[in-house]
PDB file of N, CA and C in Angstrom:
ATOM      1  N   MET A   1      67.089 -58.051 -48.017  1.00  0.00           N
ATOM      2  CA  MET A   1      66.709 -58.738 -49.457  1.00  0.00           C
ATOM      3  C   MET A   1      65.440 -58.417 -49.673  1.00  0.00           C
ATOM      4  N   PRO A   2      65.296 -58.264 -51.025  1.00  0.00           N
ATOM      5  CA  PRO A   2      63.884 -57.907 -51.490  1.00  0.00           C
ATOM      6  C   PRO A   2      62.822 -59.154 -51.400  1.00  0.00           C
ATOM      7  N   THR A   3      61.552 -58.860 -51.478  1.00  0.00           N
ATOM      8  CA  THR A   3      60.634 -59.946 -51.602  1.00  0.00           C
ATOM      9  C   THR A   3      59.986 -59.660 -52.937  1.00  0.00           C
ATOM     10  N   TYR A   4      60.015 -60.892 -53.795  1.00  0.00           N
ATOM     11  CA  TYR A   4      59.366 -60.748 -55.109  1.00  0.00           C
ATOM     12  C   TYR A   4      58.142 -61.509 -55.093  1.00  0.00           C
ATOM     13  N   GLU A   5      57.043 -60.990 -55.973  1.00  0.00           N
ATOM     14  CA  GLU A   5      55.828 -61.740 -56.029  1.00  0.00           C
ATOM     15  C   GLU A   5      55.852 -62.607 -57.436  1.00  0.00           C
ATOM     16  N   TYR A   6      55.297 -63.756 -57.246  1.00  0.00           N
ATOM     17  CA  TYR A   6      55.320 -64.795 -58.448  1.00  0.00           C
ATOM     18  C   TYR A   6      53.849 -65.242 -58.588  1.00  0.00           C
ATOM     19  N   ALA A   7      53.530 -65.684 -59.795  1.00  0.00           N
ATOM     20  CA  ALA A   7      52.248 -66.331 -60.037  1.00  0.00           C
ATOM     21  C   ALA A   7      52.436 -67.588 -60.941  1.00  0.00           C
ATOM     22  N   CYS A   8      51.933 -68.769 -60.600  1.00  0.00           N
ATOM     23  CA  CYS A   8      52.086 -69.880 -61.362  1.00  0.00           C
ATOM     24  C   CYS A   8      50.871 -69.947 -62.414  1.00  0.00           C
ATOM     25  N   ALA A   9      51.340 -70.357 -63.576  1.00  0.00           N
ATOM     26  CA  ALA A   9      50.415 -70.401 -64.745  1.00  0.00           C
ATOM     27  C   ALA A   9      49.620 -71.594 -64.635  1.00  0.00           C
ATOM     28  N   LYS A  10      50.091 -72.736 -64.122  1.00  0.00           N
ATOM     29  CA  LYS A  10      49.456 -74.026 -64.009  1.00  0.00           C
ATOM     30  C   LYS A  10      48.453 -74.043 -62.889  1.00  0.00           C
ATOM     31  N   CYS A  11      48.781 -73.735 -61.686  1.00  0.00           N
ATOM     32  CA  CYS A  11      47.950 -73.933 -60.514  1.00  0.00           C
ATOM     33  C   CYS A  11      47.339 -72.615 -60.050  1.00  0.00           C
ATOM     34  N   LYS A  12      47.564 -71.548 -60.711  1.00  0.00           N
ATOM     35  CA  LYS A  12      47.118 -70.216 -60.381  1.00  0.00           C
ATOM     36  C   LYS A  12      47.476 -69.633 -58.929  1.00  0.00           C
ATOM     37  N   HIS A  13      48.531 -70.248 -58.517  1.00  0.00           N
ATOM     38  CA  HIS A  13      48.898 -70.002 -57.264  1.00  0.00           C
ATOM     39  C   HIS A  13      49.849 -68.682 -57.198  1.00  0.00           C
ATOM     40  N   GLU A  14      49.521 -67.745 -56.388  1.00  0.00           N
ATOM     41  CA  GLU A  14      50.447 -66.425 -56.174  1.00  0.00           C
ATOM     42  C   GLU A  14      51.127 -66.584 -54.821  1.00  0.00           C
ATOM     43  N   PHE A  15      52.463 -66.198 -54.904  1.00  0.00           N
ATOM     44  CA  PHE A  15      53.144 -66.493 -53.694  1.00  0.00           C
ATOM     45  C   PHE A  15      54.263 -65.348 -53.657  1.00  0.00           C
ATOM     46  N   GLU A  16      54.878 -65.043 -52.558  1.00  0.00           N
ATOM     47  CA  GLU A  16      56.106 -64.296 -52.328  1.00  0.00           C
ATOM     48  C   GLU A  16      57.228 -65.110 -52.142  1.00  0.00           C
ATOM     49  N   LYS A  17      58.389 -64.660 -52.464  1.00  0.00           N
ATOM     50  CA  LYS A  17      59.729 -65.284 -52.241  1.00  0.00           C
ATOM     51  C   LYS A  17      60.743 -64.294 -51.889  1.00  0.00           C
ATOM     52  N   VAL A  18      61.456 -64.415 -50.853  1.00  0.00           N
ATOM     53  CA  VAL A  18      62.606 -63.468 -50.477  1.00  0.00           C
ATOM     54  C   VAL A  18      63.845 -63.995 -51.215  1.00  0.00           C
ATOM     55  N   GLN A  19      64.309 -63.264 -52.038  1.00  0.00           N
ATOM     56  CA  GLN A  19      65.534 -63.587 -52.888  1.00  0.00           C
ATOM     57  C   GLN A  19      66.528 -62.416 -52.864  1.00  0.00           C
ATOM     58  N   SER A  20      67.731 -62.720 -53.042  1.00  0.00           N
ATOM     59  CA  SER A  20      68.842 -61.829 -53.233  1.00  0.00           C
ATOM     60  C   SER A  20      68.663 -61.135 -54.643  1.00  0.00           C
ATOM     61  N   ILE A  21      69.043 -59.819 -54.706  1.00  0.00           N
ATOM     62  CA  ILE A  21      68.957 -59.194 -56.060  1.00  0.00           C
ATOM     63  C   ILE A  21      69.746 -59.967 -57.094  1.00  0.00           C
ATOM     64  N   LYS A  22      70.784 -60.482 -56.705  1.00  0.00           N
ATOM     65  CA  LYS A  22      71.807 -61.102 -57.638  1.00  0.00           C
ATOM     66  C   LYS A  22      71.194 -62.525 -58.132  1.00  0.00           C
ATOM     67  N   GLU A  23      70.187 -63.199 -57.439  1.00  0.00           N
ATOM     68  CA  GLU A  23      69.665 -64.340 -57.960  1.00  0.00           C
ATOM     69  C   GLU A  23      68.819 -64.103 -59.155  1.00  0.00           C
ATOM     70  N   SER A  24      68.797 -65.232 -59.965  1.00  0.00           N
ATOM     71  CA  SER A  24      67.822 -65.147 -61.181  1.00  0.00           C
ATOM     72  C   SER A  24      66.488 -65.467 -60.626  1.00  0.00           C
ATOM     73  N   ALA A  25      65.475 -64.945 -61.488  1.00  0.00           N
ATOM     74  CA  ALA A  25      64.046 -65.059 -61.244  1.00  0.00           C
ATOM     75  C   ALA A  25      63.721 -66.585 -61.337  1.00  0.00           C
ATOM     76  N   LEU A  26      62.766 -66.973 -60.601  1.00  0.00           N
ATOM     77  CA  LEU A  26      62.300 -68.339 -60.576  1.00  0.00           C
ATOM     78  C   LEU A  26      61.501 -68.673 -61.950  1.00  0.00           C
ATOM     79  N   THR A  27      61.533 -69.956 -62.394  1.00  0.00           N
ATOM     80  CA  THR A  27      61.017 -70.234 -63.697  1.00  0.00           C
ATOM     81  C   THR A  27      59.885 -71.304 -63.488  1.00  0.00           C
ATOM     82  N   VAL A  28      60.035 -72.110 -62.350  1.00  0.00           N
ATOM     83  CA  VAL A  28      59.231 -73.235 -62.105  1.00  0.00           C
ATOM     84  C   VAL A  28      58.686 -73.046 -60.650  1.00  0.00           C
ATOM     85  N   CYS A  29      57.375 -73.330 -60.584  1.00  0.00           N
ATOM     86  CA  CYS A  29      56.712 -73.285 -59.194  1.00  0.00           C
ATOM     87  C   CYS A  29      57.422 -74.118 -58.208  1.00  0.00           C
ATOM     88  N   PRO A  30      57.966 -73.421 -57.149  1.00  0.00           N
ATOM     89  CA  PRO A  30      58.709 -74.434 -56.116  1.00  0.00           C
ATOM     90  C   PRO A  30      57.900 -75.368 -55.497  1.00  0.00           C
ATOM     91  N   LYS A  31      58.607 -76.525 -55.221  1.00  0.00           N
ATOM     92  CA  LYS A  31      57.809 -77.648 -54.619  1.00  0.00           C
ATOM     93  C   LYS A  31      57.237 -77.412 -53.276  1.00  0.00           C
ATOM     94  N   ASP A  32      58.045 -76.606 -52.454  1.00  0.00           N
ATOM     95  CA  ASP A  32      57.534 -76.439 -51.186  1.00  0.00           C
ATOM     96  C   ASP A  32      56.456 -75.401 -50.991  1.00  0.00           C
ATOM     97  N   LEU A  33      56.207 -74.613 -52.071  1.00  0.00           N
ATOM     98  CA  LEU A  33      55.175 -73.669 -51.962  1.00  0.00           C
ATOM     99  C   LEU A  33      53.963 -74.001 -52.974  1.00  0.00           C
ATOM    100  N   CYS A  34      54.082 -75.117 -53.669  1.00  0.00           N
ATOM    101  CA  CYS A  34      53.046 -75.535 -54.635  1.00  0.00           C
ATOM    102  C   CYS A  34      51.862 -76.079 -54.028  1.00  0.00           C
ATOM    103  N   PRO A  35      50.650 -75.570 -54.162  1.00  0.00           N
ATOM    104  CA  PRO A  35      49.479 -76.140 -53.415  1.00  0.00           C
ATOM    105  C   PRO A  35      48.897 -77.450 -54.091  1.00  0.00           C
ATOM    106  N   ARG A  36      49.291 -77.907 -55.144  1.00  0.00           N
ATOM    107  CA  ARG A  36      48.955 -79.225 -55.720  1.00  0.00           C
ATOM    108  C   ARG A  36      49.579 -80.351 -54.937  1.00  0.00           C
ATOM    109  N   LYS A  37      48.860 -81.403 -54.824  1.00  0.00           N
ATOM    110  CA  LYS A  37      49.401 -82.487 -54.087  1.00  0.00           C
ATOM    111  C   LYS A  37      50.662 -83.161 -54.815  1.00  0.00           C
ATOM    112  N   PRO A  38      50.428 -83.516 -56.141  1.00  0.00           N
ATOM    113  CA  PRO A  38      51.533 -83.930 -56.878  1.00  0.00           C
ATOM    114  C   PRO A  38      52.161 -82.616 -57.494  1.00  0.00           C
ATOM    115  N   TRP A  39      53.414 -82.390 -57.242  1.00  0.00           N
ATOM    116  CA  TRP A  39      54.066 -81.127 -57.603  1.00  0.00           C
ATOM    117  C   TRP A  39      53.825 -80.875 -59.156  1.00  0.00           C
ATOM    118  N   GLY A  40      53.210 -79.730 -59.505  1.00  0.00           N
ATOM    119  CA  GLY A  40      52.754 -79.436 -60.811  1.00  0.00           C
ATOM    120  C   GLY A  40      53.805 -78.947 -61.720  1.00  0.00           C
ATOM    121  N   LYS A  41      54.989 -78.417 -61.290  1.00  0.00           N
ATOM    122  CA  LYS A  41      56.097 -77.887 -62.103  1.00  0.00           C
ATOM    123  C   LYS A  41      55.575 -76.911 -63.134  1.00  0.00           C
ATOM    124  N   GLY A  42      54.658 -76.013 -62.591  1.00  0.00           N
ATOM    125  CA  GLY A  42      54.120 -74.936 -63.491  1.00  0.00           C
ATOM    126  C   GLY A  42      55.109 -73.815 -63.734  1.00  0.00           C
ATOM    127  N   LYS A  43      54.848 -73.092 -64.912  1.00  0.00           N
ATOM    128  CA  LYS A  43      55.638 -71.906 -65.322  1.00  0.00           C
ATOM    129  C   LYS A  43      55.293 -70.861 -64.464  1.00  0.00           C
ATOM    130  N   VAL A  44      56.303 -70.179 -63.914  1.00  0.00           N
ATOM    131  CA  VAL A  44      56.133 -69.117 -62.937  1.00  0.00           C
ATOM    132  C   VAL A  44      56.602 -67.728 -63.510  1.00  0.00           C
ATOM    133  N   THR A  45      55.762 -66.767 -63.434  1.00  0.00           N
ATOM    134  CA  THR A  45      56.177 -65.292 -63.785  1.00  0.00           C
ATOM    135  C   THR A  45      56.267 -64.364 -62.639  1.00  0.00           C
ATOM    136  N   ARG A  46      57.216 -63.561 -62.865  1.00  0.00           N
ATOM    137  CA  ARG A  46      57.411 -62.578 -61.702  1.00  0.00           C
ATOM    138  C   ARG A  46      56.518 -61.354 -61.928  1.00  0.00           C
ATOM    139  N   ARG A  47      55.894 -61.016 -60.985  1.00  0.00           N
ATOM    140  CA  ARG A  47      54.928 -59.975 -61.054  1.00  0.00           C
ATOM    141  C   ARG A  47      55.494 -58.645 -60.395  1.00  0.00           C
ATOM    142  N   ILE A  48      54.915 -57.624 -60.890  1.00  0.00           N
ATOM    143  CA  ILE A  48      55.411 -56.253 -60.316  1.00  0.00           C
ATOM    144  C   ILE A  48      54.634 -56.045 -58.995  1.00  0.00           C
ATOM    145  N   GLY A  49      55.701 -55.848 -57.978  1.00  0.00           N
ATOM    146  CA  GLY A  49      54.975 -55.768 -56.715  1.00  0.00           C
ATOM    147  C   GLY A  49      55.152 -54.354 -56.294  1.00  0.00           C
ATOM    148  N   THR A  50      54.478 -54.004 -55.120  1.00  0.00           N
ATOM    149  CA  THR A  50      54.413 -52.576 -54.693  1.00  0.00           C
ATOM    150  C   THR A  50      55.747 -52.360 -53.863  1.00  0.00           C
ATOM    151  N   GLY A  51      56.343 -53.283 -53.460  1.00  0.00           N
ATOM    152  CA  GLY A  51      57.521 -53.220 -52.644  1.00  0.00           C
ATOM    153  C   GLY A  51      57.154 -52.728 -51.171  1.00  0.00           C
ATOM    154  N   GLY A  52      58.285 -52.650 -50.346  1.00  0.00           N
ATOM    155  CA  GLY A  52      58.136 -52.348 -48.927  1.00  0.00           C
ATOM    156  C   GLY A  52      58.155 -50.727 -48.857  1.00  0.00           C
ATOM    157  N   GLY A  53      57.223 -50.172 -48.131  1.00  0.00           N
ATOM    158  CA  GLY A  53      57.126 -48.732 -47.999  1.00  0.00           C
ATOM    159  C   GLY A  53      58.121 -48.379 -46.736  1.00  0.00           C
ATOM    160  N   LEU A  54      58.599 -47.263 -46.750  1.00  0.00           N
ATOM    161  CA  LEU A  54      59.302 -46.716 -45.575  1.00  0.00           C
ATOM    162  C   LEU A  54      58.498 -45.804 -44.857  1.00  0.00           C
ATOM    163  N   ILE A  55      58.317 -46.003 -43.649  1.00  0.00           N
ATOM    164  CA  ILE A  55      57.368 -45.219 -42.836  1.00  0.00           C
ATOM    165  C   ILE A  55      58.233 -44.550 -41.586  1.00  0.00           C
ATOM    166  N   PHE A  56      58.128 -43.383 -41.484  1.00  0.00           N
ATOM    167  CA  PHE A  56      58.650 -42.575 -40.339  1.00  0.00           C
ATOM    168  C   PHE A  56      57.688 -42.234 -39.390  1.00  0.00           C
ATOM    169  N   LYS A  57      57.784 -42.730 -38.209  1.00  0.00           N
ATOM    170  CA  LYS A  57      56.965 -42.220 -37.162  1.00  0.00           C
ATOM    171  C   LYS A  57      57.520 -41.431 -36.032  1.00  0.00           C
ATOM    172  N   GLY A  58      56.857 -40.514 -35.529  1.00  0.00           N
ATOM    173  CA  GLY A  58      57.422 -39.598 -34.466  1.00  0.00           C
ATOM    174  C   GLY A  58      57.763 -38.217 -35.072  1.00  0.00           C
ATOM    175  N   SER A  59      58.480 -37.531 -34.198  1.00  0.00           N
ATOM    176  CA  SER A  59      58.696 -36.132 -34.410  1.00  0.00           C
ATOM    177  C   SER A  59      59.751 -35.943 -35.416  1.00  0.00           C
ATOM    178  N   GLY A  60      60.562 -36.884 -35.662  1.00  0.00           N
ATOM    179  CA  GLY A  60      61.679 -36.767 -36.843  1.00  0.00           C
ATOM    180  C   GLY A  60      62.972 -37.271 -36.253  1.00  0.00           C
ATOM    181  N   PHE A  61      63.945 -37.321 -37.132  1.00  0.00           N
ATOM    182  CA  PHE A  61      65.286 -37.685 -36.767  1.00  0.00           C
ATOM    183  C   PHE A  61      66.310 -36.630 -37.157  1.00  0.00           C
ATOM    184  N   TYR A  62      67.161 -36.243 -36.150  1.00  0.00           N
ATOM    185  CA  TYR A  62      67.996 -35.185 -36.367  1.00  0.00           C
ATOM    186  C   TYR A  62      69.428 -35.711 -36.084  1.00  0.00           C
ATOM    187  N   THR A  63      70.381 -35.028 -36.669  1.00  0.00           N
ATOM    188  CA  THR A  63      71.761 -35.419 -36.534  1.00  0.00           C
ATOM    189  C   THR A  63      72.340 -35.336 -35.131  1.00  0.00           C
ATOM    190  N   THR A  64      71.728 -34.480 -34.390  1.00  0.00           N
ATOM    191  CA  THR A  64      72.216 -34.289 -33.005  1.00  0.00           C
ATOM    192  C   THR A  64      71.408 -35.258 -32.064  1.00  0.00           C
ATOM    193  N   ASP A  65      70.407 -36.038 -32.429  1.00  0.00           N
ATOM    194  CA  ASP A  65      69.828 -36.981 -31.474  1.00  0.00           C
ATOM    195  C   ASP A  65      70.626 -38.066 -30.904  1.00  0.00           C
ATOM    196  N   TYR A  66      71.651 -38.616 -31.555  1.00  0.00           N
ATOM    197  CA  TYR A  66      72.344 -39.539 -30.999  1.00  0.00           C
ATOM    198  C   TYR A  66      73.950 -39.130 -30.793  1.00  0.00           C
ATOM    199  N   ARG A  67      74.043 -37.978 -30.369  1.00  0.00           N
ATOM    200  CA  ARG A  67      75.398 -37.614 -30.000  1.00  0.00           C
ATOM    201  C   ARG A  67      75.925 -38.115 -28.675  1.00  0.00           C
ATOM    202  N   SER A  68      77.149 -38.332 -28.407  1.00  0.00           N
ATOM    203  CA  SER A  68      77.682 -38.782 -27.308  1.00  0.00           C
ATOM    204  C   SER A  68      77.716 -37.697 -26.309  1.00  0.00           C
ATOM    205  N   GLU A  69      77.759 -38.195 -24.991  1.00  0.00           N
ATOM    206  CA  GLU A  69      77.744 -37.103 -23.798  1.00  0.00           C
ATOM    207  C   GLU A  69      79.067 -36.306 -23.954  1.00  0.00           C
ATOM    208  N   ASN A  70      80.167 -36.836 -24.335  1.00  0.00           N
ATOM    209  CA  ASN A  70      81.502 -36.117 -24.467  1.00  0.00           C
ATOM    210  C   ASN A  70      81.342 -35.039 -25.545  1.00  0.00           C
ATOM    211  N   TYR A  71      80.619 -35.363 -26.689  1.00  0.00           N
ATOM    212  CA  TYR A  71      80.440 -34.371 -27.626  1.00  0.00           C
ATOM    213  C   TYR A  71      79.526 -33.284 -27.162  1.00  0.00           C
ATOM    214  N   LYS A  72      78.439 -33.636 -26.401  1.00  0.00           N
ATOM    215  CA  LYS A  72      77.541 -32.592 -25.874  1.00  0.00           C
ATOM    216  C   LYS A  72      78.284 -31.664 -24.844  1.00  0.00           C
ATOM    217  N   THR A  73      79.096 -32.253 -23.916  1.00  0.00           N
ATOM    218  CA  THR A  73      79.757 -31.321 -22.992  1.00  0.00           C
ATOM    219  C   THR A  73      80.771 -30.395 -23.804  1.00  0.00           C
ATOM    220  N   ALA A  74      81.516 -30.908 -24.736  1.00  0.00           N
ATOM    221  CA  ALA A  74      82.465 -30.153 -25.463  1.00  0.00           C
ATOM    222  C   ALA A  74      81.737 -29.055 -26.198  1.00  0.00           C
ATOM    223  N   ALA A  75      80.619 -29.207 -26.855  1.00  0.00           N
ATOM    224  CA  ALA A  75      79.900 -28.293 -27.512  1.00  0.00           C
ATOM    225  C   ALA A  75      79.332 -27.285 -26.600  1.00  0.00           C
ATOM    226  N   LYS A  76      79.049 -27.536 -25.316  1.00  0.00           N
ATOM    227  CA  LYS A  76      78.459 -26.686 -24.391  1.00  0.00           C
ATOM    228  C   LYS A  76      79.596 -25.680 -23.974  1.00  0.00           C
ATOM    229  N   LYS A  77      80.752 -26.339 -23.757  1.00  0.00           N
ATOM    230  CA  LYS A  77      81.940 -25.542 -23.336  1.00  0.00           C
ATOM    231  C   LYS A  77      82.276 -24.433 -24.402  1.00  0.00           C
ATOM    232  N   ASP A  78      82.231 -25.088 -25.719  1.00  0.00           N
ATOM    233  CA  ASP A  78      82.647 -24.174 -26.760  1.00  0.00           C
ATOM    234  C   ASP A  78      81.704 -23.074 -26.901  1.00  0.00           C
ATOM    235  N   ALA A  79      80.410 -23.304 -26.774  1.00  0.00           N
ATOM    236  CA  ALA A  79      79.398 -22.221 -26.978  1.00  0.00           C
ATOM    237  C   ALA A  79      79.589 -21.238 -25.780  1.00  0.00           C
ATOM    238  N   GLU A  80      79.835 -21.626 -24.547  1.00  0.00           N
ATOM    239  CA  GLU A  80      80.157 -20.620 -23.548  1.00  0.00           C
ATOM    240  C   GLU A  80      81.340 -19.801 -23.664  1.00  0.00           C
ATOM    241  N   SER A  81      82.423 -20.323 -24.280  1.00  0.00           N
ATOM    242  CA  SER A  81      83.680 -19.551 -24.635  1.00  0.00           C
ATOM    243  C   SER A  81      83.427 -18.533 -25.657  1.00  0.00           C
ATOM    244  N   GLN A  82      82.439 -18.739 -26.553  1.00  0.00           N
ATOM    245  CA  GLN A  82      82.217 -17.744 -27.565  1.00  0.00           C
ATOM    246  C   GLN A  82      81.343 -16.703 -27.032  1.00  0.00           C
ATOM    247  N   LYS A  83      80.717 -16.821 -26.016  1.00  0.00           N
ATOM    248  CA  LYS A  83      79.688 -15.663 -25.558  1.00  0.00           C
ATOM    249  C   LYS A  83      80.651 -14.608 -25.045  1.00  0.00           C
ATOM    250  N   PRO A  84      80.216 -13.342 -25.299  1.00  0.00           N
ATOM    251  CA  PRO A  84      80.927 -12.151 -24.741  1.00  0.00           C
ATOM    252  C   PRO A  84      80.929 -12.230 -23.145  1.00  0.00           C
ATOM    253  N   ALA A  85      82.002 -11.671 -22.579  1.00  0.00           N
ATOM    254  CA  ALA A  85      82.041 -11.851 -21.151  1.00  0.00           C
ATOM    255  C   ALA A  85      81.161 -10.692 -20.486  1.00  0.00           C
ATOM    256  N   LYS A  86      80.988  -9.746 -21.138  1.00  0.00           N
ATOM    257  CA  LYS A  86      80.027  -8.559 -20.561  1.00  0.00           C
ATOM    258  C   LYS A  86      78.872  -8.312 -21.451  1.00  0.00           C
ATOM    259  N   THR A  87      77.741  -8.271 -20.972  1.00  0.00           N
ATOM    260  CA  THR A  87      76.754  -7.940 -21.825  1.00  0.00           C
ATOM    261  C   THR A  87      76.490  -6.425 -21.748  1.00  0.00           C
ATOM    262  N   GLU A  88      76.345  -5.859 -23.048  1.00  0.00           N
ATOM    263  CA  GLU A  88      76.236  -4.430 -23.170  1.00  0.00           C
ATOM    264  C   GLU A  88      74.795  -4.029 -22.859  1.00  0.00           C
ATOM    265  N   THR A  89      74.614  -2.899 -22.170  1.00  0.00           N
ATOM    266  CA  THR A  89      73.394  -2.319 -22.011  1.00  0.00           C
ATOM    267  C   THR A  89      72.939  -1.247 -22.971  1.00  0.00           C
ATOM    268  N   LYS A  90      71.839  -1.043 -23.167  1.00  0.00           N
ATOM    269  CA  LYS A  90      71.410  -0.009 -24.196  1.00  0.00           C
ATOM    270  C   LYS A  90      71.584   1.449 -23.442  1.00  0.00           C
ATOM    271  N   SER A  91      72.391   2.222 -24.042  1.00  0.00           N
ATOM    272  CA  SER A  91      72.709   3.559 -23.466  1.00  0.00           C
ATOM    273  C   SER A  91      71.941   4.566 -24.142  1.00  0.00           C
ATOM    274  N   GLU A  92      71.419   4.365 -25.321  1.00  0.00           N
ATOM    275  CA  GLU A  92      70.776   5.250 -26.098  1.00  0.00           C
ATOM    276  C   GLU A  92      69.226   4.822 -26.178  1.00  0.00           C
ATOM    277  N   THR A  93      68.302   5.751 -26.083  1.00  0.00           N
ATOM    278  CA  THR A  93      66.995   5.365 -26.161  1.00  0.00           C
ATOM    279  C   THR A  93      66.651   5.730 -27.708  1.00  0.00           C
ATOM    280  N   SER A  94      66.026   4.857 -28.362  1.00  0.00           N
ATOM    281  CA  SER A  94      65.721   4.960 -29.680  1.00  0.00           C
ATOM    282  C   SER A  94      64.424   5.777 -29.774  1.00  0.00           C
ATOM    283  N   THR A  95      64.290   6.731 -30.517  1.00  0.00           N
ATOM    284  CA  THR A  95      63.150   7.521 -30.608  1.00  0.00           C
ATOM    285  C   THR A  95      62.768   7.340 -32.232  1.00  0.00           C
ATOM    286  N   THR A  96      61.642   7.220 -32.330  1.00  0.00           N
ATOM    287  CA  THR A  96      61.117   6.938 -33.812  1.00  0.00           C
ATOM    288  C   THR A  96      60.556   8.266 -34.118  1.00  0.00           C
ATOM    289  N   SER A  97      61.178   8.790 -35.250  1.00  0.00           N
ATOM    290  CA  SER A  97      60.631  10.061 -35.791  1.00  0.00           C
ATOM    291  C   SER A  97      60.463   9.863 -37.283  1.00  0.00           C
ATOM    292  N   LYS A  98      59.412  10.422 -37.798  1.00  0.00           N
ATOM    293  CA  LYS A  98      59.118  10.316 -39.218  1.00  0.00           C
ATOM    294  C   LYS A  98      59.958  11.227 -39.972  1.00  0.00           C
ATOM    295  N   PRO A  99      60.468  10.892 -41.146  1.00  0.00           N
ATOM    296  CA  PRO A  99      61.188  11.967 -42.000  1.00  0.00           C
ATOM    297  C   PRO A  99      60.237  12.903 -42.387  1.00  0.00           C
ATOM    298  N   ALA A 100      60.632  14.179 -42.609  1.00  0.00           N
ATOM    299  CA  ALA A 100      59.819  15.441 -42.880  1.00  0.00           C
ATOM    300  C   ALA A 100      59.419  15.010 -44.418  1.00  0.00           C
ATOM    301  N   PRO A 101      58.083  15.337 -44.715  1.00  0.00           N
ATOM    302  CA  PRO A 101      57.707  15.127 -46.138  1.00  0.00           C
ATOM    303  C   PRO A 101      58.421  15.917 -46.953  1.00  0.00           C
ATOM    304  N   PRO A 102      58.605  15.698 -48.227  1.00  0.00           N
ATOM    305  CA  PRO A 102      59.349  16.495 -49.211  1.00  0.00           C
ATOM    306  C   PRO A 102      58.487  17.782 -49.592  1.00  0.00           C
ATOM    307  N   THR A 103      59.236  18.883 -49.592  1.00  0.00           N
ATOM    308  CA  THR A 103      58.623  20.172 -49.859  1.00  0.00           C
ATOM    309  C   THR A 103      58.367  20.175 -51.328  1.00  0.00           C
ATOM    310  N   PRO A 104      57.115  20.780 -51.686  1.00  0.00           N
ATOM    311  CA  PRO A 104      56.651  20.737 -53.080  1.00  0.00           C
ATOM    312  C   PRO A 104      57.558  21.853 -53.833  1.00  0.00           C
ATOM    313  N   ALA A 105      57.789  21.500 -55.032  1.00  0.00           N
ATOM    314  CA  ALA A 105      58.673  22.423 -55.792  1.00  0.00           C
ATOM    315  C   ALA A 105      57.725  23.605 -56.222  1.00  0.00           C
ATOM    316  N   PRO A 106      58.466  24.855 -56.418  1.00  0.00           N
ATOM    317  CA  PRO A 106      57.593  26.050 -56.800  1.00  0.00           C
ATOM    318  C   PRO A 106      57.075  25.817 -58.035  1.00  0.00           C
ATOM    319  N   PRO A 107      55.989  26.392 -58.295  1.00  0.00           N
ATOM    320  CA  PRO A 107      55.341  26.276 -59.647  1.00  0.00           C
ATOM    321  C   PRO A 107      56.192  26.887 -60.811  1.00  0.00           C
ATOM    322  N   ALA A 108      56.257  26.477 -61.885  1.00  0.00           N
ATOM    323  CA  ALA A 108      57.051  26.834 -62.905  1.00  0.00           C
ATOM    324  C   ALA A 108      56.309  28.180 -63.603  1.00  0.00           C
ATOM    325  N   SER A 109      57.261  29.179 -63.718  1.00  0.00           N
ATOM    326  CA  SER A 109      56.647  30.424 -64.361  1.00  0.00           C
ATOM    327  C   SER A 109      56.274  30.163 -65.859  1.00  0.00           C
ATOM    328  N   PRO A 110      55.244  30.801 -66.256  1.00  0.00           N
ATOM    329  CA  PRO A 110      55.114  30.511 -67.668  1.00  0.00           C
ATOM    330  C   PRO A 110      56.150  31.295 -68.530  1.00  0.00           C
ATOM    331  N   ALA A 111      56.267  30.824 -69.665  1.00  0.00           N
ATOM    332  CA  ALA A 111      57.153  31.341 -70.661  1.00  0.00           C
ATOM    333  C   ALA A 111      56.752  32.710 -71.170  1.00  0.00           C
ATOM    334  N   PRO A 112      57.643  33.803 -71.288  1.00  0.00           N
ATOM    335  CA  PRO A 112      57.208  35.013 -71.706  1.00  0.00           C
ATOM    336  C   PRO A 112      56.782  34.899 -73.210  1.00  0.00           C
ATOM    337  N   THR A 113      55.569  35.565 -73.474  1.00  0.00           N
ATOM    338  CA  THR A 113      55.105  35.487 -74.842  1.00  0.00           C
ATOM    339  C   THR A 113      55.859  36.745 -75.576  1.00  0.00           C
ATOM    340  N   VAL A 114      56.050  36.336 -76.781  1.00  0.00           N
ATOM    341  CA  VAL A 114      56.734  37.395 -77.639  1.00  0.00           C
ATOM    342  C   VAL A 114      55.617  37.787 -78.731  1.00  0.00           C
ATOM    343  N   LYS A 115      55.446  39.149 -78.851  1.00  0.00           N
ATOM    344  CA  LYS A 115      54.368  39.699 -79.727  1.00  0.00           C
ATOM    345  C   LYS A 115      55.164  40.010 -81.216  1.00  0.00           C
ATOM    346  N   LYS A 116      54.496  39.559 -82.080  1.00  0.00           N
ATOM    347  CA  LYS A 116      55.096  39.890 -83.488  1.00  0.00           C
ATOM    348  C   LYS A 116      54.342  41.155 -84.010  1.00  0.00           C
ATOM    349  N   THR A 117      54.950  42.090 -84.466  1.00  0.00           N
ATOM    350  CA  THR A 117      54.395  43.271 -85.017  1.00  0.00           C
ATOM    351  C   THR A 117      54.582  43.440 -86.365  1.00  0.00           C
TER     352      THR A 117
END
């Protein structure tokens, strides 16, 4: 249930009240929270509060943190059955070779000149 902040116009008293969301806002300063000796019945306004913050401490929360032991053992068996039975060894040695640079194109021959006579 949320905590609402109120301020009384008559006695200038500010207080917090835990109420259900479905409850209507207070209109009169409550008798048990009023600082005046004779109950003042002052008009109360609801103030905008900062609300409660949500703070996560620690390294974090993961879906796998709270798994049952049966689930963990079944998952381990499943992971082992999916592994290949024989591990392959490297039969080829990889050699790194650079590709040959492109050969330059032969220079273009100049166009024949035609003489006009």
